[in-house]
Amino acid sequence: MLYPSDEDLALLSAQGDQEAFTQLIRRHGRALLSLLRRLASNDTDAEDLFQEAVIRAWTDIGTLRRPDRAKAWLLQVARNRVRDFAKSAQRRVTPVDDAALEAHAGRHGRAAGPDPRVAEALAALDSLPAHSQEAARRFYLGGLSVAEIARALHCPEGTVKRRLHTARERMREQVRLAGEETADEPVQDR
């Protein structure tokens, strides 16, 4: 039985064949993850970067100029994810331990428990279309600028702005609907 070449799998993937793309990732997934583990600071980041690299590869497979070099291209996509991650690291906030956070929140009169609006906002973010969700995550959670997102996603800044606008509108609607649902529920003593 003959197995399809990387070139055949890449060409089929570029035409939207998900099974061919899955085979390509299965074939080279270990190499991708191994590279990411060497370049990332920990296994959790490496696994997150692996997922991002696979999504990016699926999104951009149609731009692959040399389908016969699919493995090298996949490895470069992974390296680019690490580079983008490292660039955004300077924008990420340093985590604060729970005790310090609770003490700070208590001094300012805020409730110590998790804010249900945060959960609603994250659920609304998760419900967005993939392109809008990716732009919103990079902007709001990753701290990237519109220009940085445009470079990372290989699209014009206007497209990023439109995706962010769409994300904001849909998230507002989702949060508003969630608020209406909870307003209909009976109030319970705490």
N, C-alpha and C. Protein backbone atom coordinates (compact mmCIF):
# COMPACT_ATOMS: atom_id res chain seq x y z
N MET A 1 0.84 -1.17 0.00
CA MET A 1 0.00 0.00 0.00
C MET A 1 0.89 1.24 0.00
N LEU A 2 0.63 2.15 -0.89
CA LEU A 2 1.39 3.39 -0.99
C LEU A 2 0.78 4.47 -0.12
N TYR A 3 1.64 5.16 0.59
CA TYR A 3 1.18 6.27 1.41
C TYR A 3 1.36 7.56 0.62
N PRO A 4 0.43 8.50 0.78
CA PRO A 4 0.58 9.75 0.05
C PRO A 4 1.80 10.53 0.53
N SER A 5 2.43 11.23 -0.39
CA SER A 5 3.60 12.04 -0.03
C SER A 5 3.15 13.30 0.70
N ASP A 6 4.11 13.97 1.34
CA ASP A 6 3.82 15.25 1.97
C ASP A 6 3.26 16.22 0.95
N GLU A 7 3.84 16.20 -0.24
CA GLU A 7 3.39 17.10 -1.30
C GLU A 7 1.92 16.86 -1.63
N ASP A 8 1.54 15.58 -1.79
CA ASP A 8 0.14 15.25 -2.09
C ASP A 8 -0.78 15.70 -0.95
N LEU A 9 -0.36 15.44 0.29
CA LEU A 9 -1.17 15.83 1.43
C LEU A 9 -1.31 17.35 1.53
N ALA A 10 -0.22 18.07 1.25
CA ALA A 10 -0.26 19.53 1.31
C ALA A 10 -1.18 20.09 0.23
N LEU A 11 -1.09 19.53 -0.96
CA LEU A 11 -1.95 20.00 -2.06
C LEU A 11 -3.42 19.74 -1.75
N LEU A 12 -3.72 18.56 -1.23
CA LEU A 12 -5.10 18.25 -0.86
C LEU A 12 -5.58 19.15 0.28
N SER A 13 -4.70 19.40 1.24
CA SER A 13 -5.04 20.28 2.36
C SER A 13 -5.36 21.68 1.88
N ALA A 14 -4.58 22.15 0.93
CA ALA A 14 -4.80 23.50 0.39
C ALA A 14 -6.16 23.61 -0.30
N GLN A 15 -6.69 22.47 -0.73
CA GLN A 15 -8.01 22.44 -1.36
C GLN A 15 -9.12 22.24 -0.33
N GLY A 16 -8.75 22.20 0.96
CA GLY A 16 -9.75 22.09 2.01
C GLY A 16 -9.96 20.68 2.54
N ASP A 17 -9.11 19.74 2.17
CA ASP A 17 -9.26 18.36 2.62
C ASP A 17 -8.72 18.23 4.05
N GLN A 18 -9.62 18.19 5.02
CA GLN A 18 -9.23 18.14 6.43
C GLN A 18 -8.53 16.83 6.79
N GLU A 19 -8.95 15.74 6.19
CA GLU A 19 -8.34 14.45 6.47
C GLU A 19 -6.88 14.43 6.02
N ALA A 20 -6.61 15.02 4.86
CA ALA A 20 -5.23 15.10 4.38
C ALA A 20 -4.38 15.94 5.32
N PHE A 21 -4.95 17.05 5.80
CA PHE A 21 -4.21 17.90 6.72
C PHE A 21 -3.96 17.16 8.04
N THR A 22 -4.96 16.43 8.51
CA THR A 22 -4.80 15.65 9.73
C THR A 22 -3.66 14.64 9.56
N GLN A 23 -3.59 13.98 8.42
CA GLN A 23 -2.51 13.02 8.16
C GLN A 23 -1.15 13.73 8.16
N LEU A 24 -1.10 14.91 7.56
CA LEU A 24 0.14 15.67 7.52
C LEU A 24 0.60 16.03 8.93
N ILE A 25 -0.33 16.46 9.78
CA ILE A 25 0.02 16.81 11.16
C ILE A 25 0.41 15.56 11.95
N ARG A 26 -0.31 14.47 11.74
CA ARG A 26 0.07 13.22 12.44
C ARG A 26 1.49 12.80 12.05
N ARG A 27 1.81 12.98 10.79
CA ARG A 27 3.12 12.58 10.29
C ARG A 27 4.23 13.42 10.90
N HIS A 28 3.98 14.71 11.10
CA HIS A 28 5.05 15.62 11.54
C HIS A 28 4.79 16.24 12.91
N GLY A 29 3.75 15.82 13.58
CA GLY A 29 3.40 16.39 14.88
C GLY A 29 4.48 16.24 15.92
N ARG A 30 5.12 15.09 15.97
CA ARG A 30 6.18 14.89 16.97
C ARG A 30 7.33 15.86 16.75
N ALA A 31 7.71 16.06 15.49
CA ALA A 31 8.80 16.99 15.19
C ALA A 31 8.41 18.41 15.59
N LEU A 32 7.16 18.78 15.32
CA LEU A 32 6.69 20.11 15.70
C LEU A 32 6.73 20.29 17.22
N LEU A 33 6.17 19.33 17.93
CA LEU A 33 6.12 19.42 19.39
C LEU A 33 7.52 19.39 19.99
N SER A 34 8.40 18.58 19.43
CA SER A 34 9.79 18.52 19.91
C SER A 34 10.47 19.88 19.74
N LEU A 35 10.29 20.49 18.58
CA LEU A 35 10.87 21.81 18.33
C LEU A 35 10.31 22.83 19.33
N LEU A 36 9.00 22.81 19.51
CA LEU A 36 8.36 23.77 20.41
C LEU A 36 8.80 23.56 21.85
N ARG A 37 9.00 22.33 22.26
CA ARG A 37 9.47 22.07 23.63
C ARG A 37 10.89 22.60 23.83
N ARG A 38 11.70 22.55 22.78
CA ARG A 38 13.06 23.09 22.89
C ARG A 38 13.04 24.62 22.94
N LEU A 39 12.10 25.24 22.22
CA LEU A 39 12.08 26.69 22.12
C LEU A 39 11.25 27.39 23.19
N ALA A 40 10.25 26.69 23.72
CA ALA A 40 9.36 27.30 24.73
C ALA A 40 9.96 27.11 26.12
N SER A 41 9.47 27.92 27.05
CA SER A 41 10.02 27.87 28.40
C SER A 41 9.48 26.71 29.22
N ASN A 42 8.32 26.14 28.81
CA ASN A 42 7.76 25.01 29.55
C ASN A 42 6.83 24.21 28.64
N ASP A 43 6.45 23.03 29.11
CA ASP A 43 5.62 22.14 28.29
C ASP A 43 4.24 22.70 28.03
N THR A 44 3.68 23.42 28.99
CA THR A 44 2.35 24.00 28.80
C THR A 44 2.37 25.00 27.66
N ASP A 45 3.37 25.89 27.66
CA ASP A 45 3.49 26.85 26.56
C ASP A 45 3.72 26.12 25.24
N ALA A 46 4.54 25.08 25.26
CA ALA A 46 4.83 24.33 24.04
C ALA A 46 3.55 23.71 23.48
N GLU A 47 2.72 23.16 24.34
CA GLU A 47 1.47 22.56 23.88
C GLU A 47 0.50 23.61 23.34
N ASP A 48 0.44 24.76 24.01
CA ASP A 48 -0.39 25.85 23.50
C ASP A 48 0.12 26.33 22.15
N LEU A 49 1.42 26.48 22.04
CA LEU A 49 2.02 26.92 20.78
C LEU A 49 1.81 25.89 19.68
N PHE A 50 1.82 24.61 20.05
CA PHE A 50 1.56 23.56 19.07
C PHE A 50 0.15 23.73 18.49
N GLN A 51 -0.82 23.95 19.37
CA GLN A 51 -2.20 24.15 18.90
C GLN A 51 -2.30 25.37 18.00
N GLU A 52 -1.64 26.46 18.40
CA GLU A 52 -1.66 27.67 17.59
C GLU A 52 -1.00 27.43 16.24
N ALA A 53 0.11 26.69 16.25
CA ALA A 53 0.82 26.41 15.00
C ALA A 53 -0.04 25.57 14.06
N VAL A 54 -0.74 24.59 14.60
CA VAL A 54 -1.61 23.75 13.77
C VAL A 54 -2.75 24.58 13.17
N ILE A 55 -3.33 25.43 13.98
CA ILE A 55 -4.41 26.30 13.48
C ILE A 55 -3.87 27.23 12.40
N ARG A 56 -2.72 27.83 12.65
CA ARG A 56 -2.11 28.73 11.67
C ARG A 56 -1.79 27.98 10.38
N ALA A 57 -1.24 26.78 10.51
CA ALA A 57 -0.90 25.99 9.33
C ALA A 57 -2.16 25.68 8.51
N TRP A 58 -3.23 25.30 9.17
CA TRP A 58 -4.47 25.00 8.47
C TRP A 58 -4.99 26.25 7.76
N THR A 59 -4.92 27.37 8.44
CA THR A 59 -5.39 28.63 7.87
C THR A 59 -4.55 29.06 6.67
N ASP A 60 -3.24 28.83 6.75
CA ASP A 60 -2.32 29.35 5.74
C ASP A 60 -1.80 28.31 4.75
N ILE A 61 -2.29 27.08 4.81
CA ILE A 61 -1.75 26.03 3.94
C ILE A 61 -1.86 26.40 2.46
N GLY A 62 -2.84 27.20 2.11
CA GLY A 62 -3.00 27.62 0.72
C GLY A 62 -1.88 28.54 0.25
N THR A 63 -1.10 29.10 1.17
CA THR A 63 0.00 29.99 0.79
C THR A 63 1.31 29.23 0.62
N LEU A 64 1.30 27.95 0.89
CA LEU A 64 2.51 27.13 0.80
C LEU A 64 2.98 27.09 -0.65
N ARG A 65 4.16 27.63 -0.93
CA ARG A 65 4.67 27.71 -2.30
C ARG A 65 5.31 26.40 -2.77
N ARG A 66 5.92 25.68 -1.84
CA ARG A 66 6.60 24.43 -2.19
C ARG A 66 5.98 23.28 -1.41
N PRO A 67 4.90 22.71 -1.93
CA PRO A 67 4.24 21.62 -1.22
C PRO A 67 5.16 20.43 -0.93
N ASP A 68 6.22 20.28 -1.71
CA ASP A 68 7.16 19.19 -1.48
C ASP A 68 8.00 19.43 -0.22
N ARG A 69 7.95 20.64 0.32
CA ARG A 69 8.69 20.98 1.53
C ARG A 69 7.74 21.29 2.69
N ALA A 70 6.66 20.54 2.76
CA ALA A 70 5.61 20.77 3.76
C ALA A 70 6.15 20.68 5.19
N LYS A 71 7.01 19.72 5.47
CA LYS A 71 7.53 19.58 6.83
C LYS A 71 8.34 20.81 7.23
N ALA A 72 9.21 21.28 6.36
CA ALA A 72 10.01 22.47 6.66
C ALA A 72 9.10 23.67 6.87
N TRP A 73 8.04 23.77 6.08
CA TRP A 73 7.09 24.87 6.22
C TRP A 73 6.37 24.79 7.56
N LEU A 74 5.93 23.59 7.95
CA LEU A 74 5.27 23.42 9.24
C LEU A 74 6.19 23.82 10.39
N LEU A 75 7.45 23.43 10.30
CA LEU A 75 8.41 23.80 11.35
C LEU A 75 8.60 25.31 11.41
N GLN A 76 8.59 25.96 10.25
CA GLN A 76 8.72 27.42 10.24
C GLN A 76 7.48 28.09 10.83
N VAL A 77 6.32 27.54 10.55
CA VAL A 77 5.09 28.06 11.16
C VAL A 77 5.21 27.97 12.68
N ALA A 78 5.72 26.86 13.18
CA ALA A 78 5.90 26.69 14.63
C ALA A 78 6.91 27.70 15.17
N ARG A 79 8.02 27.89 14.47
CA ARG A 79 9.01 28.88 14.92
C ARG A 79 8.39 30.28 14.97
N ASN A 80 7.58 30.61 13.98
CA ASN A 80 6.92 31.91 13.96
C ASN A 80 5.98 32.09 15.15
N ARG A 81 5.28 31.02 15.54
CA ARG A 81 4.40 31.09 16.71
C ARG A 81 5.23 31.40 17.95
N VAL A 82 6.39 30.76 18.08
CA VAL A 82 7.26 31.00 19.24
C VAL A 82 7.75 32.45 19.22
N ARG A 83 8.13 32.94 18.05
CA ARG A 83 8.60 34.32 17.94
C ARG A 83 7.50 35.30 18.34
N ASP A 84 6.29 35.09 17.83
CA ASP A 84 5.17 35.96 18.18
C ASP A 84 4.86 35.89 19.68
N PHE A 85 4.93 34.69 20.23
CA PHE A 85 4.69 34.49 21.66
C PHE A 85 5.74 35.24 22.47
N ALA A 86 7.00 35.14 22.07
CA ALA A 86 8.07 35.81 22.80
C ALA A 86 7.91 37.32 22.71
N LYS A 87 7.50 37.84 21.55
CA LYS A 87 7.29 39.28 21.41
C LYS A 87 6.14 39.76 22.29
N SER A 88 5.11 38.94 22.41
CA SER A 88 3.97 39.36 23.22
C SER A 88 4.25 39.18 24.71
N ALA A 89 5.31 38.46 25.07
CA ALA A 89 5.62 38.21 26.48
C ALA A 89 5.87 39.51 27.22
N GLN A 90 6.48 40.48 26.53
CA GLN A 90 6.75 41.75 27.21
C GLN A 90 5.47 42.51 27.50
N ARG A 91 4.37 42.16 26.83
CA ARG A 91 3.10 42.83 27.06
C ARG A 91 2.25 42.09 28.10
N ARG A 92 2.58 40.83 28.36
CA ARG A 92 1.79 40.06 29.32
C ARG A 92 2.04 40.55 30.72
N VAL A 93 1.02 40.47 31.51
CA VAL A 93 1.11 40.88 32.90
C VAL A 93 1.70 39.74 33.71
N THR A 94 2.57 40.07 34.65
CA THR A 94 3.14 39.07 35.53
C THR A 94 2.05 38.59 36.48
N PRO A 95 1.87 37.27 36.61
CA PRO A 95 0.83 36.76 37.50
C PRO A 95 1.08 37.17 38.94
N VAL A 96 0.00 37.40 39.65
CA VAL A 96 0.06 37.77 41.06
C VAL A 96 -0.52 36.60 41.85
N ASP A 97 0.10 36.28 42.97
CA ASP A 97 -0.43 35.16 43.75
C ASP A 97 -1.79 35.55 44.34
N ASP A 98 -2.60 34.54 44.63
CA ASP A 98 -3.97 34.75 45.08
C ASP A 98 -4.06 35.60 46.35
N ALA A 99 -3.15 35.39 47.30
CA ALA A 99 -3.21 36.13 48.57
C ALA A 99 -3.02 37.62 48.33
N ALA A 100 -2.04 37.96 47.48
CA ALA A 100 -1.79 39.38 47.20
C ALA A 100 -2.97 39.99 46.45
N LEU A 101 -3.55 39.23 45.55
CA LEU A 101 -4.69 39.73 44.79
C LEU A 101 -5.90 39.95 45.70
N GLU A 102 -6.17 39.01 46.60
CA GLU A 102 -7.29 39.16 47.52
C GLU A 102 -7.08 40.35 48.45
N ALA A 103 -5.85 40.54 48.93
CA ALA A 103 -5.56 41.67 49.81
C ALA A 103 -5.79 42.99 49.08
N HIS A 104 -5.35 43.06 47.84
CA HIS A 104 -5.53 44.27 47.04
C HIS A 104 -7.02 44.52 46.80
N ALA A 105 -7.73 43.48 46.41
CA ALA A 105 -9.16 43.64 46.13
C ALA A 105 -9.90 44.03 47.40
N GLY A 106 -9.54 43.46 48.54
CA GLY A 106 -10.20 43.77 49.80
C GLY A 106 -10.00 45.23 50.20
N ARG A 107 -8.81 45.78 49.98
CA ARG A 107 -8.54 47.18 50.32
C ARG A 107 -9.41 48.13 49.52
N HIS A 108 -9.82 47.72 48.33
CA HIS A 108 -10.59 48.59 47.46
C HIS A 108 -12.08 48.28 47.52
N GLY A 109 -12.48 47.42 48.46
CA GLY A 109 -13.90 47.17 48.68
C GLY A 109 -14.56 46.28 47.65
N ARG A 110 -13.78 45.56 46.87
CA ARG A 110 -14.38 44.68 45.88
C ARG A 110 -14.61 43.31 46.49
N ALA A 111 -15.57 42.60 45.92
CA ALA A 111 -15.84 41.24 46.38
C ALA A 111 -14.63 40.36 46.10
N ALA A 112 -14.32 39.46 47.03
CA ALA A 112 -13.16 38.60 46.86
C ALA A 112 -13.40 37.48 45.87
N GLY A 113 -14.64 37.10 45.62
CA GLY A 113 -14.93 35.99 44.72
C GLY A 113 -14.79 36.39 43.26
N PRO A 114 -14.82 35.39 42.37
CA PRO A 114 -14.70 35.69 40.95
C PRO A 114 -15.91 36.47 40.44
N ASP A 115 -15.66 37.39 39.57
CA ASP A 115 -16.71 38.23 39.01
C ASP A 115 -17.43 37.43 37.92
N PRO A 116 -18.74 37.21 38.06
CA PRO A 116 -19.46 36.43 37.05
C PRO A 116 -19.44 37.09 35.67
N ARG A 117 -19.22 38.42 35.63
CA ARG A 117 -19.16 39.10 34.34
C ARG A 117 -17.94 38.66 33.54
N VAL A 118 -16.86 38.30 34.23
CA VAL A 118 -15.67 37.82 33.54
C VAL A 118 -15.99 36.49 32.86
N ALA A 119 -16.67 35.61 33.56
CA ALA A 119 -17.05 34.32 32.97
C ALA A 119 -17.96 34.54 31.76
N GLU A 120 -18.90 35.48 31.88
CA GLU A 120 -19.80 35.78 30.77
C GLU A 120 -19.02 36.31 29.57
N ALA A 121 -18.07 37.20 29.83
CA ALA A 121 -17.27 37.77 28.75
C ALA A 121 -16.43 36.70 28.06
N LEU A 122 -15.83 35.80 28.86
CA LEU A 122 -15.02 34.72 28.27
C LEU A 122 -15.89 33.76 27.47
N ALA A 123 -17.09 33.46 27.97
CA ALA A 123 -18.01 32.60 27.22
C ALA A 123 -18.41 33.27 25.92
N ALA A 124 -18.65 34.58 25.97
CA ALA A 124 -19.00 35.32 24.75
C ALA A 124 -17.83 35.30 23.78
N LEU A 125 -16.62 35.44 24.28
CA LEU A 125 -15.43 35.39 23.43
C LEU A 125 -15.32 34.04 22.75
N ASP A 126 -15.56 32.98 23.51
CA ASP A 126 -15.49 31.63 22.95
C ASP A 126 -16.54 31.38 21.87
N SER A 127 -17.63 32.13 21.88
CA SER A 127 -18.70 31.91 20.91
C SER A 127 -18.48 32.64 19.59
N LEU A 128 -17.44 33.44 19.51
CA LEU A 128 -17.17 34.23 18.29
C LEU A 128 -16.68 33.35 17.15
N PRO A 129 -16.87 33.81 15.91
CA PRO A 129 -16.26 33.12 14.77
C PRO A 129 -14.73 33.11 14.96
N ALA A 130 -14.07 32.12 14.40
CA ALA A 130 -12.64 31.89 14.63
C ALA A 130 -11.78 33.13 14.37
N HIS A 131 -11.98 33.81 13.24
CA HIS A 131 -11.13 34.96 12.92
C HIS A 131 -11.32 36.09 13.91
N SER A 132 -12.57 36.40 14.24
CA SER A 132 -12.84 37.47 15.21
C SER A 132 -12.33 37.08 16.59
N GLN A 133 -12.50 35.82 16.95
CA GLN A 133 -12.04 35.35 18.26
C GLN A 133 -10.53 35.47 18.38
N GLU A 134 -9.81 35.07 17.32
CA GLU A 134 -8.35 35.13 17.37
C GLU A 134 -7.88 36.58 17.50
N ALA A 135 -8.47 37.49 16.74
CA ALA A 135 -8.09 38.90 16.83
C ALA A 135 -8.41 39.45 18.22
N ALA A 136 -9.59 39.12 18.75
CA ALA A 136 -9.98 39.62 20.06
C ALA A 136 -9.09 39.07 21.16
N ARG A 137 -8.76 37.80 21.10
CA ARG A 137 -7.88 37.21 22.12
C ARG A 137 -6.51 37.88 22.10
N ARG A 138 -5.97 38.09 20.90
CA ARG A 138 -4.65 38.72 20.79
C ARG A 138 -4.69 40.16 21.30
N PHE A 139 -5.79 40.87 21.02
CA PHE A 139 -5.90 42.27 21.40
C PHE A 139 -6.19 42.43 22.88
N TYR A 140 -7.24 41.77 23.36
CA TYR A 140 -7.69 41.97 24.74
C TYR A 140 -6.93 41.12 25.76
N LEU A 141 -6.60 39.89 25.41
CA LEU A 141 -5.92 39.03 26.37
C LEU A 141 -4.41 39.01 26.16
N GLY A 142 -3.98 39.13 24.90
CA GLY A 142 -2.55 39.09 24.60
C GLY A 142 -1.88 40.45 24.65
N GLY A 143 -2.69 41.53 24.61
CA GLY A 143 -2.13 42.86 24.69
C GLY A 143 -1.45 43.35 23.43
N LEU A 144 -1.71 42.70 22.29
CA LEU A 144 -1.07 43.13 21.04
C LEU A 144 -1.81 44.32 20.44
N SER A 145 -1.10 45.13 19.70
CA SER A 145 -1.71 46.26 19.00
C SER A 145 -2.36 45.76 17.71
N VAL A 146 -3.15 46.61 17.09
CA VAL A 146 -3.78 46.27 15.82
C VAL A 146 -2.71 45.95 14.78
N ALA A 147 -1.65 46.76 14.73
CA ALA A 147 -0.57 46.54 13.76
C ALA A 147 0.11 45.19 14.01
N GLU A 148 0.37 44.85 15.27
CA GLU A 148 1.01 43.57 15.59
C GLU A 148 0.12 42.40 15.21
N ILE A 149 -1.16 42.54 15.46
CA ILE A 149 -2.10 41.46 15.09
C ILE A 149 -2.15 41.30 13.58
N ALA A 150 -2.19 42.42 12.87
CA ALA A 150 -2.22 42.37 11.40
C ALA A 150 -1.00 41.64 10.86
N ARG A 151 0.17 41.94 11.43
CA ARG A 151 1.38 41.24 10.97
C ARG A 151 1.31 39.75 11.30
N ALA A 152 0.86 39.43 12.50
CA ALA A 152 0.81 38.02 12.92
C ALA A 152 -0.21 37.23 12.10
N LEU A 153 -1.31 37.85 11.73
CA LEU A 153 -2.37 37.16 10.99
C LEU A 153 -2.23 37.32 9.48
N HIS A 154 -1.23 38.07 9.07
CA HIS A 154 -0.98 38.30 7.64
C HIS A 154 -2.19 38.89 6.94
N CYS A 155 -2.73 39.96 7.50
CA CYS A 155 -3.88 40.62 6.91
C CYS A 155 -3.77 42.13 7.15
N PRO A 156 -4.53 42.94 6.41
CA PRO A 156 -4.48 44.38 6.59
C PRO A 156 -5.00 44.81 7.97
N GLU A 157 -4.53 45.96 8.45
CA GLU A 157 -4.97 46.48 9.74
C GLU A 157 -6.48 46.73 9.74
N GLY A 158 -7.01 47.17 8.60
CA GLY A 158 -8.45 47.40 8.50
C GLY A 158 -9.25 46.14 8.77
N THR A 159 -8.73 45.01 8.31
CA THR A 159 -9.40 43.73 8.55
C THR A 159 -9.41 43.41 10.04
N VAL A 160 -8.28 43.67 10.70
CA VAL A 160 -8.20 43.42 12.15
C VAL A 160 -9.19 44.33 12.87
N LYS A 161 -9.26 45.60 12.48
CA LYS A 161 -10.19 46.53 13.12
C LYS A 161 -11.63 46.06 12.94
N ARG A 162 -11.96 45.57 11.73
CA ARG A 162 -13.31 45.07 11.48
C ARG A 162 -13.59 43.85 12.35
N ARG A 163 -12.63 42.95 12.45
CA ARG A 163 -12.82 41.75 13.29
C ARG A 163 -13.00 42.12 14.75
N LEU A 164 -12.24 43.11 15.21
CA LEU A 164 -12.39 43.54 16.60
C LEU A 164 -13.74 44.20 16.82
N HIS A 165 -14.19 44.98 15.85
CA HIS A 165 -15.51 45.61 15.95
C HIS A 165 -16.60 44.54 16.02
N THR A 166 -16.50 43.55 15.12
CA THR A 166 -17.46 42.44 15.11
C THR A 166 -17.43 41.71 16.45
N ALA A 167 -16.24 41.46 16.96
CA ALA A 167 -16.10 40.75 18.24
C ALA A 167 -16.76 41.55 19.36
N ARG A 168 -16.50 42.86 19.42
CA ARG A 168 -17.10 43.68 20.48
C ARG A 168 -18.62 43.66 20.40
N GLU A 169 -19.15 43.82 19.19
CA GLU A 169 -20.61 43.84 19.03
C GLU A 169 -21.24 42.51 19.45
N ARG A 170 -20.65 41.42 19.00
CA ARG A 170 -21.21 40.11 19.34
C ARG A 170 -21.06 39.81 20.82
N MET A 171 -19.94 40.20 21.40
CA MET A 171 -19.75 39.95 22.83
C MET A 171 -20.73 40.79 23.65
N ARG A 172 -20.93 42.04 23.26
CA ARG A 172 -21.92 42.87 23.96
C ARG A 172 -23.30 42.21 23.92
N GLU A 173 -23.66 41.71 22.75
CA GLU A 173 -24.96 41.07 22.59
C GLU A 173 -25.05 39.81 23.46
N GLN A 174 -24.01 38.99 23.46
CA GLN A 174 -23.99 37.77 24.26
C GLN A 174 -24.10 38.09 25.75
N VAL A 175 -23.33 39.08 26.22
CA VAL A 175 -23.36 39.44 27.63
C VAL A 175 -24.72 40.03 27.99
N ARG A 176 -25.30 40.84 27.09
CA ARG A 176 -26.62 41.42 27.34
C ARG A 176 -27.66 40.32 27.46
N LEU A 177 -27.60 39.33 26.54
CA LEU A 177 -28.55 38.22 26.60
C LEU A 177 -28.38 37.40 27.87
N ALA A 178 -27.13 37.18 28.27
CA ALA A 178 -26.87 36.43 29.50
C ALA A 178 -27.41 37.19 30.70
N GLY A 179 -27.30 38.51 30.68
CA GLY A 179 -27.83 39.33 31.76
C GLY A 179 -29.34 39.27 31.84
N GLU A 180 -30.00 39.22 30.68
CA GLU A 180 -31.46 39.12 30.67
C GLU A 180 -31.91 37.77 31.22
N GLU A 181 -31.15 36.72 30.90
CA GLU A 181 -31.51 35.39 31.40
C GLU A 181 -31.41 35.33 32.92
N THR A 182 -30.34 35.91 33.48
CA THR A 182 -30.19 35.85 34.93
C THR A 182 -31.16 36.80 35.63
N ALA A 183 -31.62 37.84 34.94
CA ALA A 183 -32.59 38.76 35.54
C ALA A 183 -33.94 38.07 35.74
N ASP A 184 -34.23 37.06 34.91
CA ASP A 184 -35.48 36.33 35.01
C ASP A 184 -35.45 35.29 36.13
N GLU A 185 -34.25 34.93 36.63
CA GLU A 185 -34.12 33.91 37.66
C GLU A 185 -34.41 34.54 39.02
N PRO A 186 -34.99 33.75 39.96
CA PRO A 186 -35.25 34.30 41.30
C PRO A 186 -33.95 34.59 42.03
N VAL A 187 -33.94 35.61 42.84
CA VAL A 187 -32.78 35.99 43.62
C VAL A 187 -32.69 35.07 44.84
N GLN A 188 -31.49 34.57 45.12
CA GLN A 188 -31.28 33.68 46.25
C GLN A 188 -30.41 34.40 47.28
N ASP A 189 -30.65 34.10 48.56
CA ASP A 189 -29.80 34.66 49.60
C ASP A 189 -28.45 33.99 49.55
N ARG A 190 -27.43 34.77 49.89
CA ARG A 190 -26.08 34.23 49.86
C ARG A 190 -25.58 34.06 51.25
